[in-house]
Every structure is written in C-alpha cells, then in structure tokens.
C-alpha atoms as a PDB file:
ATOM      1  CA  MET A   1     -68.330  23.559 -27.969  1.00  0.00           C
ATOM      2  CA  THR A   2     -65.258  21.975 -26.719  1.00  0.00           C
ATOM      3  CA  THR A   3     -64.244  22.508 -23.563  1.00  0.00           C
ATOM      4  CA  THR A   4     -60.189  22.175 -22.767  1.00  0.00           C
ATOM      5  CA  PHE A   5     -59.456  20.701 -19.399  1.00  0.00           C
ATOM      6  CA  ILE A   6     -54.969  21.052 -17.887  1.00  0.00           C
ATOM      7  CA  ASP A   7     -53.316  18.040 -16.147  1.00  0.00           C
ATOM      8  CA  LEU A   8     -53.269  19.103 -13.365  1.00  0.00           C
ATOM      9  CA  THR A   9     -51.861  15.599 -11.925  1.00  0.00           C
ATOM     10  CA  GLU A  10     -48.428  16.065  -9.517  1.00  0.00           C
ATOM     11  CA  HIS A  11     -45.985  13.461 -10.574  1.00  0.00           C
ATOM     12  CA  CYS A  12     -43.373  12.062  -7.327  1.00  0.00           C
ATOM     13  CA  LEU A  13     -39.852  12.787  -7.869  1.00  0.00           C
ATOM     14  CA  SER A  14     -38.586  10.849  -4.390  1.00  0.00           C
ATOM     15  CA  SER A  15     -40.919   9.253  -1.500  1.00  0.00           C
ATOM     16  CA  GLN A  16     -39.726   9.614   1.949  1.00  0.00           C
ATOM     17  CA  THR A  17     -41.491   6.806   5.111  1.00  0.00           C
ATOM     18  CA  VAL A  18     -41.575   8.898   7.664  1.00  0.00           C
ATOM     19  CA  ALA A  19     -43.528   6.893  10.367  1.00  0.00           C
ATOM     20  CA  SER A  20     -44.971   3.608  10.421  1.00  0.00           C
ATOM     21  CA  GLY A  21     -47.390   1.885  12.654  1.00  0.00           C
ATOM     22  CA  GLY A  22     -49.880  -1.189  12.495  1.00  0.00           C
ATOM     23  CA  MET A  23     -52.126   0.158  10.001  1.00  0.00           C
ATOM     24  CA  LEU A  24     -50.976   3.574   8.755  1.00  0.00           C
ATOM     25  CA  THR A  25     -47.929   5.342   7.423  1.00  0.00           C
ATOM     26  CA  VAL A  26     -47.151   9.162   7.047  1.00  0.00           C
ATOM     27  CA  LYS A  27     -45.181   9.339   3.577  1.00  0.00           C
ATOM     28  CA  CYS A  28     -43.352  12.772   2.263  1.00  0.00           C
ATOM     29  CA  ASP A  29     -42.585  13.055  -0.750  1.00  0.00           C
ATOM     30  CA  GLN A  30     -41.498  15.580  -2.858  1.00  0.00           C
ATOM     31  CA  VAL A  31     -43.220  16.229  -6.748  1.00  0.00           C
ATOM     32  CA  ARG A  32     -42.986  18.254 -10.000  1.00  0.00           C
ATOM     33  CA  LEU A  33     -45.837  20.415 -10.085  1.00  0.00           C
ATOM     34  CA  PRO A  34     -47.868  20.737 -13.790  1.00  0.00           C
ATOM     35  CA  ASN A  35     -46.143  24.761 -13.811  1.00  0.00           C
ATOM     36  CA  GLY A  36     -43.021  22.627 -12.889  1.00  0.00           C
ATOM     37  CA  ASN A  37     -42.205  23.770  -9.983  1.00  0.00           C
ATOM     38  CA  ILE A  38     -40.895  21.335  -7.156  1.00  0.00           C
ATOM     39  CA  SER A  39     -42.763  20.786  -3.656  1.00  0.00           C
ATOM     40  CA  GLN A  40     -43.687  18.534  -1.110  1.00  0.00           C
ATOM     41  CA  ARG A  41     -46.522  16.912  -0.188  1.00  0.00           C
ATOM     42  CA  GLU A  42     -47.520  14.542   3.234  1.00  0.00           C
ATOM     43  CA  TYR A  43     -50.076  12.256   3.511  1.00  0.00           C
ATOM     44  CA  VAL A  44     -51.071   9.002   5.564  1.00  0.00           C
ATOM     45  CA  THR A  45     -51.732   5.681   3.390  1.00  0.00           C
ATOM     46  CA  HIS A  46     -54.856   3.627   5.333  1.00  0.00           C
ATOM     47  CA  PRO A  47     -55.940   0.019   3.728  1.00  0.00           C
ATOM     48  CA  GLY A  48     -59.412   1.296   3.087  1.00  0.00           C
ATOM     49  CA  ALA A  49     -62.141   0.668   4.978  1.00  0.00           C
ATOM     50  CA  VAL A  50     -65.875  -0.114   4.609  1.00  0.00           C
ATOM     51  CA  ILE A  51     -69.174   0.907   6.239  1.00  0.00           C
ATOM     52  CA  VAL A  52     -72.484  -0.883   6.964  1.00  0.00           C
ATOM     53  CA  VAL A  53     -76.187   0.872   7.022  1.00  0.00           C
ATOM     54  CA  ALA A  54     -77.440  -1.893   8.726  1.00  0.00           C
ATOM     55  CA  MET A  55     -81.904  -2.440   8.598  1.00  0.00           C
ATOM     56  CA  LEU A  56     -83.292  -4.316  11.089  1.00  0.00           C
ATOM     57  CA  ALA A  57     -86.906  -5.647   9.794  1.00  0.00           C
ATOM     58  CA  ASN A  58     -88.746  -2.946  11.622  1.00  0.00           C
ATOM     59  CA  GLY A  59     -86.751   0.129   9.622  1.00  0.00           C
ATOM     60  CA  CYS A  60     -84.761   0.834  12.005  1.00  0.00           C
ATOM     61  CA  VAL A  61     -80.583   1.098  11.715  1.00  0.00           C
ATOM     62  CA  VAL A  62     -77.750  -1.058  13.932  1.00  0.00           C
ATOM     63  CA  LEU A  63     -75.723   1.376  15.541  1.00  0.00           C
ATOM     64  CA  GLU A  64     -72.257   1.957  18.039  1.00  0.00           C
ATOM     65  CA  LYS A  65     -71.310   4.435  20.591  1.00  0.00           C
ATOM     66  CA  GLN A  66     -67.442   4.153  20.327  1.00  0.00           C
ATOM     67  CA  PHE A  67     -65.030   6.032  22.670  1.00  0.00           C
ATOM     68  CA  ARG A  68     -62.306   7.458  19.616  1.00  0.00           C
ATOM     69  CA  TYR A  69     -59.448   8.112  21.563  1.00  0.00           C
ATOM     70  CA  PRO A  70     -57.699  11.181  19.095  1.00  0.00           C
ATOM     71  CA  LEU A  71     -60.856  13.297  19.968  1.00  0.00           C
ATOM     72  CA  HIS A  72     -61.259  11.868  23.742  1.00  0.00           C
ATOM     73  CA  GLN A  73     -64.762  11.103  23.277  1.00  0.00           C
ATOM     74  CA  VAL A  74     -67.615   8.819  22.731  1.00  0.00           C
ATOM     75  CA  PHE A  75     -69.582   8.763  19.181  1.00  0.00           C
ATOM     76  CA  ILE A  76     -72.101   7.529  17.883  1.00  0.00           C
ATOM     77  CA  GLU A  77     -71.451   5.497  14.484  1.00  0.00           C
ATOM     78  CA  LEU A  78     -72.093   3.026  11.661  1.00  0.00           C
ATOM     79  CA  PRO A  79     -70.604  -0.058  12.372  1.00  0.00           C
ATOM     80  CA  ALA A  80     -67.460  -0.192  10.082  1.00  0.00           C
ATOM     81  CA  GLY A  81     -63.591  -1.041   9.810  1.00  0.00           C
ATOM     82  CA  LYS A  82     -60.606  -1.367   7.852  1.00  0.00           C
ATOM     83  CA  ILE A  83     -60.007  -3.654   4.571  1.00  0.00           C
ATOM     84  CA  ASP A  84     -57.566  -6.870   5.020  1.00  0.00           C
ATOM     85  CA  ALA A  85     -54.877  -7.586   2.844  1.00  0.00           C
ATOM     86  CA  GLY A  86     -56.373  -8.427  -0.264  1.00  0.00           C
ATOM     87  CA  GLU A  87     -59.998  -9.126   1.306  1.00  0.00           C
ATOM     88  CA  ASP A  88     -62.704  -8.256  -0.873  1.00  0.00           C
ATOM     89  CA  VAL A  89     -64.651  -5.560   0.377  1.00  0.00           C
ATOM     90  CA  LEU A  90     -68.259  -6.980   0.732  1.00  0.00           C
ATOM     91  CA  LEU A  91     -66.235  -9.898   2.780  1.00  0.00           C
ATOM     92  CA  THR A  92     -64.815  -6.627   4.976  1.00  0.00           C
ATOM     93  CA  GLY A  93     -68.543  -5.648   5.391  1.00  0.00           C
ATOM     94  CA  ARG A  94     -69.789  -8.725   6.421  1.00  0.00           C
ATOM     95  CA  ARG A  95     -66.817  -9.807   8.915  1.00  0.00           C
ATOM     96  CA  GLU A  96     -67.117  -5.973  10.188  1.00  0.00           C
ATOM     97  CA  LEU A  97     -70.546  -6.087  10.664  1.00  0.00           C
ATOM     98  CA  LEU A  98     -70.681  -9.360  12.060  1.00  0.00           C
ATOM     99  CA  GLU A  99     -67.500  -8.892  14.265  1.00  0.00           C
ATOM    100  CA  GLU A 100     -68.553  -5.709  15.942  1.00  0.00           C
ATOM    101  CA  THR A 101     -72.768  -6.159  16.458  1.00  0.00           C
ATOM    102  CA  GLY A 102     -73.178  -9.886  16.055  1.00  0.00           C
ATOM    103  CA  TYR A 103     -75.542  -9.066  12.956  1.00  0.00           C
ATOM    104  CA  MET A 104     -75.755 -11.025   9.538  1.00  0.00           C
ATOM    105  CA  ALA A 105     -77.408  -9.931   6.315  1.00  0.00           C
ATOM    106  CA  ASN A 106     -78.967 -11.788   4.263  1.00  0.00           C
ATOM    107  CA  HIS A 107     -78.738  -8.550   1.798  1.00  0.00           C
ATOM    108  CA  TRP A 108     -76.406  -6.279   0.629  1.00  0.00           C
ATOM    109  CA  VAL A 109     -76.341  -3.604  -1.600  1.00  0.00           C
ATOM    110  CA  LYS A 110     -73.307  -1.074  -2.227  1.00  0.00           C
ATOM    111  CA  LEU A 111     -74.297   2.334  -1.990  1.00  0.00           C
ATOM    112  CA  GLY A 112     -70.971   3.760  -3.267  1.00  0.00           C
ATOM    113  CA  HIS A 113     -67.729   5.018  -1.870  1.00  0.00           C
ATOM    114  CA  GLN A 114     -66.055   7.891  -0.355  1.00  0.00           C
ATOM    115  CA  HIS A 115     -62.828   9.814   0.171  1.00  0.00           C
ATOM    116  CA  PRO A 116     -62.629  11.236   3.680  1.00  0.00           C
ATOM    117  CA  CYS A 117     -59.300  12.578   3.862  1.00  0.00           C
ATOM    118  CA  ILE A 118     -58.548  13.628   0.301  1.00  0.00           C
ATOM    119  CA  GLY A 119     -55.988  16.622   1.517  1.00  0.00           C
ATOM    120  CA  TYR A 120     -53.624  14.010   3.530  1.00  0.00           C
ATOM    121  CA  SER A 121     -54.575  10.151   3.300  1.00  0.00           C
ATOM    122  CA  ASN A 122     -55.388   8.021  -0.026  1.00  0.00           C
ATOM    123  CA  GLU A 123     -58.513   6.141   2.785  1.00  0.00           C
ATOM    124  CA  VAL A 124     -61.117   4.456   0.396  1.00  0.00           C
ATOM    125  CA  ILE A 125     -64.578   3.807   2.454  1.00  0.00           C
ATOM    126  CA  HIS A 126     -66.752   1.490   0.710  1.00  0.00           C
ATOM    127  CA  MET A 127     -70.585   1.607   1.846  1.00  0.00           C
ATOM    128  CA  TYR A 128     -73.183  -0.884   1.571  1.00  0.00           C
ATOM    129  CA  LEU A 129     -76.623  -0.978   2.672  1.00  0.00           C
ATOM    130  CA  ALA A 130     -77.318  -4.225   4.606  1.00  0.00           C
ATOM    131  CA  TRP A 131     -80.917  -6.210   5.392  1.00  0.00           C
ATOM    132  CA  GLY A 132     -82.797  -9.120   6.486  1.00  0.00           C
ATOM    133  CA  LEU A 133     -80.410  -9.559   9.306  1.00  0.00           C
ATOM    134  CA  THR A 134     -79.821 -12.375  11.847  1.00  0.00           C
ATOM    135  CA  LEU A 135     -78.604 -11.285  15.261  1.00  0.00           C
ATOM    136  CA  GLY A 136     -76.199 -13.941  16.890  1.00  0.00           C
ATOM    137  CA  GLU A 137     -73.014 -13.225  18.883  1.00  0.00           C
ATOM    138  CA  HIS A 138     -70.021 -10.800  18.300  1.00  0.00           C
ATOM    139  CA  HIS A 139     -66.907 -11.313  17.790  1.00  0.00           C
ATOM    140  CA  ARG A 140     -65.009  -8.190  18.471  1.00  0.00           C
ATOM    141  CA  ASP A 141     -61.567  -7.289  19.094  1.00  0.00           C
ATOM    142  CA  GLU A 142     -59.766  -7.315  22.234  1.00  0.00           C
ATOM    143  CA  ASP A 143     -59.143  -4.210  22.417  1.00  0.00           C
ATOM    144  CA  GLU A 144     -62.732  -2.895  21.476  1.00  0.00           C
ATOM    145  CA  SER A 145     -65.109  -1.938  23.565  1.00  0.00           C
ATOM    146  CA  LEU A 146     -68.838  -0.603  21.864  1.00  0.00           C
ATOM    147  CA  GLU A 147     -72.254  -0.522  23.119  1.00  0.00           C
ATOM    148  CA  VAL A 148     -74.722  -1.933  20.060  1.00  0.00           C
ATOM    149  CA  PHE A 149     -78.139  -0.057  19.576  1.00  0.00           C
ATOM    150  CA  ASP A 150     -80.863   0.973  17.285  1.00  0.00           C
ATOM    151  CA  ALA A 151     -82.768   4.086  16.036  1.00  0.00           C
ATOM    152  CA  SER A 152     -84.968   5.061  13.206  1.00  0.00           C
ATOM    153  CA  PHE A 153     -83.968   6.693  10.421  1.00  0.00           C
ATOM    154  CA  GLU A 154     -86.096   9.325  11.116  1.00  0.00           C
ATOM    155  CA  ASP A 155     -84.194   9.482  13.935  1.00  0.00           C
ATOM    156  CA  CYS A 156     -80.323   9.224  12.698  1.00  0.00           C
ATOM    157  CA  LEU A 157     -81.228  12.341  10.624  1.00  0.00           C
ATOM    158  CA  GLY A 158     -82.365  14.248  13.312  1.00  0.00           C
ATOM    159  CA  MET A 159     -78.992  13.149  15.339  1.00  0.00           C
ATOM    160  CA  ILE A 160     -77.053  14.780  12.448  1.00  0.00           C
ATOM    161  CA  GLN A 161     -78.918  17.597  12.589  1.00  0.00           C
ATOM    162  CA  ASN A 162     -78.924  18.693  16.480  1.00  0.00           C
ATOM    163  CA  GLY A 163     -74.946  17.002  16.500  1.00  0.00           C
ATOM    164  CA  GLN A 164     -75.321  14.195  17.984  1.00  0.00           C
ATOM    165  CA  ILE A 165     -74.048  12.173  15.280  1.00  0.00           C
ATOM    166  CA  THR A 166     -71.021  13.668  13.827  1.00  0.00           C
ATOM    167  CA  ASP A 167     -68.434  11.545  12.314  1.00  0.00           C
ATOM    168  CA  GLY A 168     -68.367  12.346   8.641  1.00  0.00           C
ATOM    169  CA  LYS A 169     -68.785   8.503   6.978  1.00  0.00           C
ATOM    170  CA  THR A 170     -71.931   7.739   9.218  1.00  0.00           C
ATOM    171  CA  ILE A 171     -72.922  10.940   8.127  1.00  0.00           C
ATOM    172  CA  ILE A 172     -72.441  10.169   4.021  1.00  0.00           C
ATOM    173  CA  ALA A 173     -73.783   7.022   4.663  1.00  0.00           C
ATOM    174  CA  LEU A 174     -76.668   7.597   5.979  1.00  0.00           C
ATOM    175  CA  PHE A 175     -77.613   9.998   3.496  1.00  0.00           C
ATOM    176  CA  MET A 176     -76.632   7.823   0.681  1.00  0.00           C
ATOM    177  CA  ALA A 177     -78.760   5.078   1.670  1.00  0.00           C
ATOM    178  CA  GLU A 178     -81.459   7.711   2.418  1.00  0.00           C
ATOM    179  CA  LYS A 179     -81.906   8.598  -1.002  1.00  0.00           C
ATOM    180  CA  TYR A 180     -80.923   4.848  -2.356  1.00  0.00           C
ATOM    181  CA  LEU A 181     -84.183   4.028  -0.362  1.00  0.00           C
ATOM    182  CA  ALA A 182     -86.147   6.906  -1.162  1.00  0.00           C
ATOM    183  CA  LEU A 183     -85.663   5.681  -5.104  1.00  0.00           C
ATOM    184  CA  HIS A 184     -86.267   1.682  -4.219  1.00  0.00           C
ATOM    185  CA  PRO A 185     -89.135   1.831  -1.772  1.00  0.00           C
ATOM    186  CA  GLN A 186     -90.210  -2.065  -2.500  1.00  0.00           C
ATOM    187  CA  PHE A 187     -86.473  -2.266  -0.591  1.00  0.00           C
ATOM    188  CA  PHE A 188     -87.916  -4.882   2.533  1.00  0.00           C
ATOM    189  CA  ASN A 189     -90.218  -6.985   0.041  1.00  0.00           C
ATOM    190  CA  VAL A 190     -86.896  -8.923  -0.760  1.00  0.00           C
END
C-alpha cells in the first residue's frame, strides 16, 4: 500500500520586520497557502539555545532557580542559554554550563533537539547530557541572578509531577535524559 502525502508548504510572498530587539525579532509574512489562498503569519525569530542535564558523580542533577520576568516568578530550570552567532552548539553548552553554574564536564552526549514554540517561533533547543563534572567559578552575565542547587533524578521527576518544575525545555530534557540513562546503565562507568 502506497501513501500519498499532499504538499502542505506555505510560500512566503513578502516579509516585514515588526520589531527587533537584542535577541528576538518579530516578523509578519504574507504567505500563499497550499490551496492557493493568501494569509498572514506572525512569528518570532530566535538564535537557538542549548540546555544541559549536568549529572554529578552521585547521580544528582544540577539545577537553577531563576526569576523569569515575563511570568514574574522564580522557576526551577536546567542550565541553558542562547547560541551566539556562528557558535557550535556543543561549545554553547560548555560555555553556558560554566558561566551559570561554574561546572565543567568531561563527557557530553547529545540527547536530541526540541522546537518549543512551533506556532510562533523558529527556536530550536539542543539538549545535552553532561557528566564527569568539576566545579570552578561561574562567569554569569551582569544581568543574570540565579541560585544553583542539585537534586536526585527521582526528585526532579517528582518536581515535574507536583508542578514545581513547569519549564517545558527542562521537562523535555529531563525525560530525554531519563530514557538515555535507562538504555545506558553503564553511564557512570565512563
């Protein structure tokens, strides 16, 4: 049996920048739909990001508490940050882990990537598992305030279930790490 798929591609006819800031740009495009009709698409362009599930030798995960202005509350998250122009994604992960937490990792495995906001943004978040950690000094940006702590993997999953961790990128990365660790029980023997 052969399945035939229709072409669902929308084609840009014109594009306008509505607003542009230091990291994000808001665009409004006129597009031709697959059925030939014309429509409008508003979206945010984003440079992309990396999130790191950093595991200590005792199996605990390095976490952060950080105030997020758009929602006016403190969130529990994994270390993460935006990709600088032309920067390799693994280098971004290494840089962000050190900048935010002071940790460096000897071992890195890419867990995959996620598209957190497909309806209104082109953001891609690359997910890594890192271990073989050594602690040094953090190098946070001047406008970055956060508290670093650690929790067992079981506690992290419990924080997802009880609503303490609600950040989507953190939840997905933890679930991806959980699957990876279940398939690779020799993980800490590297």
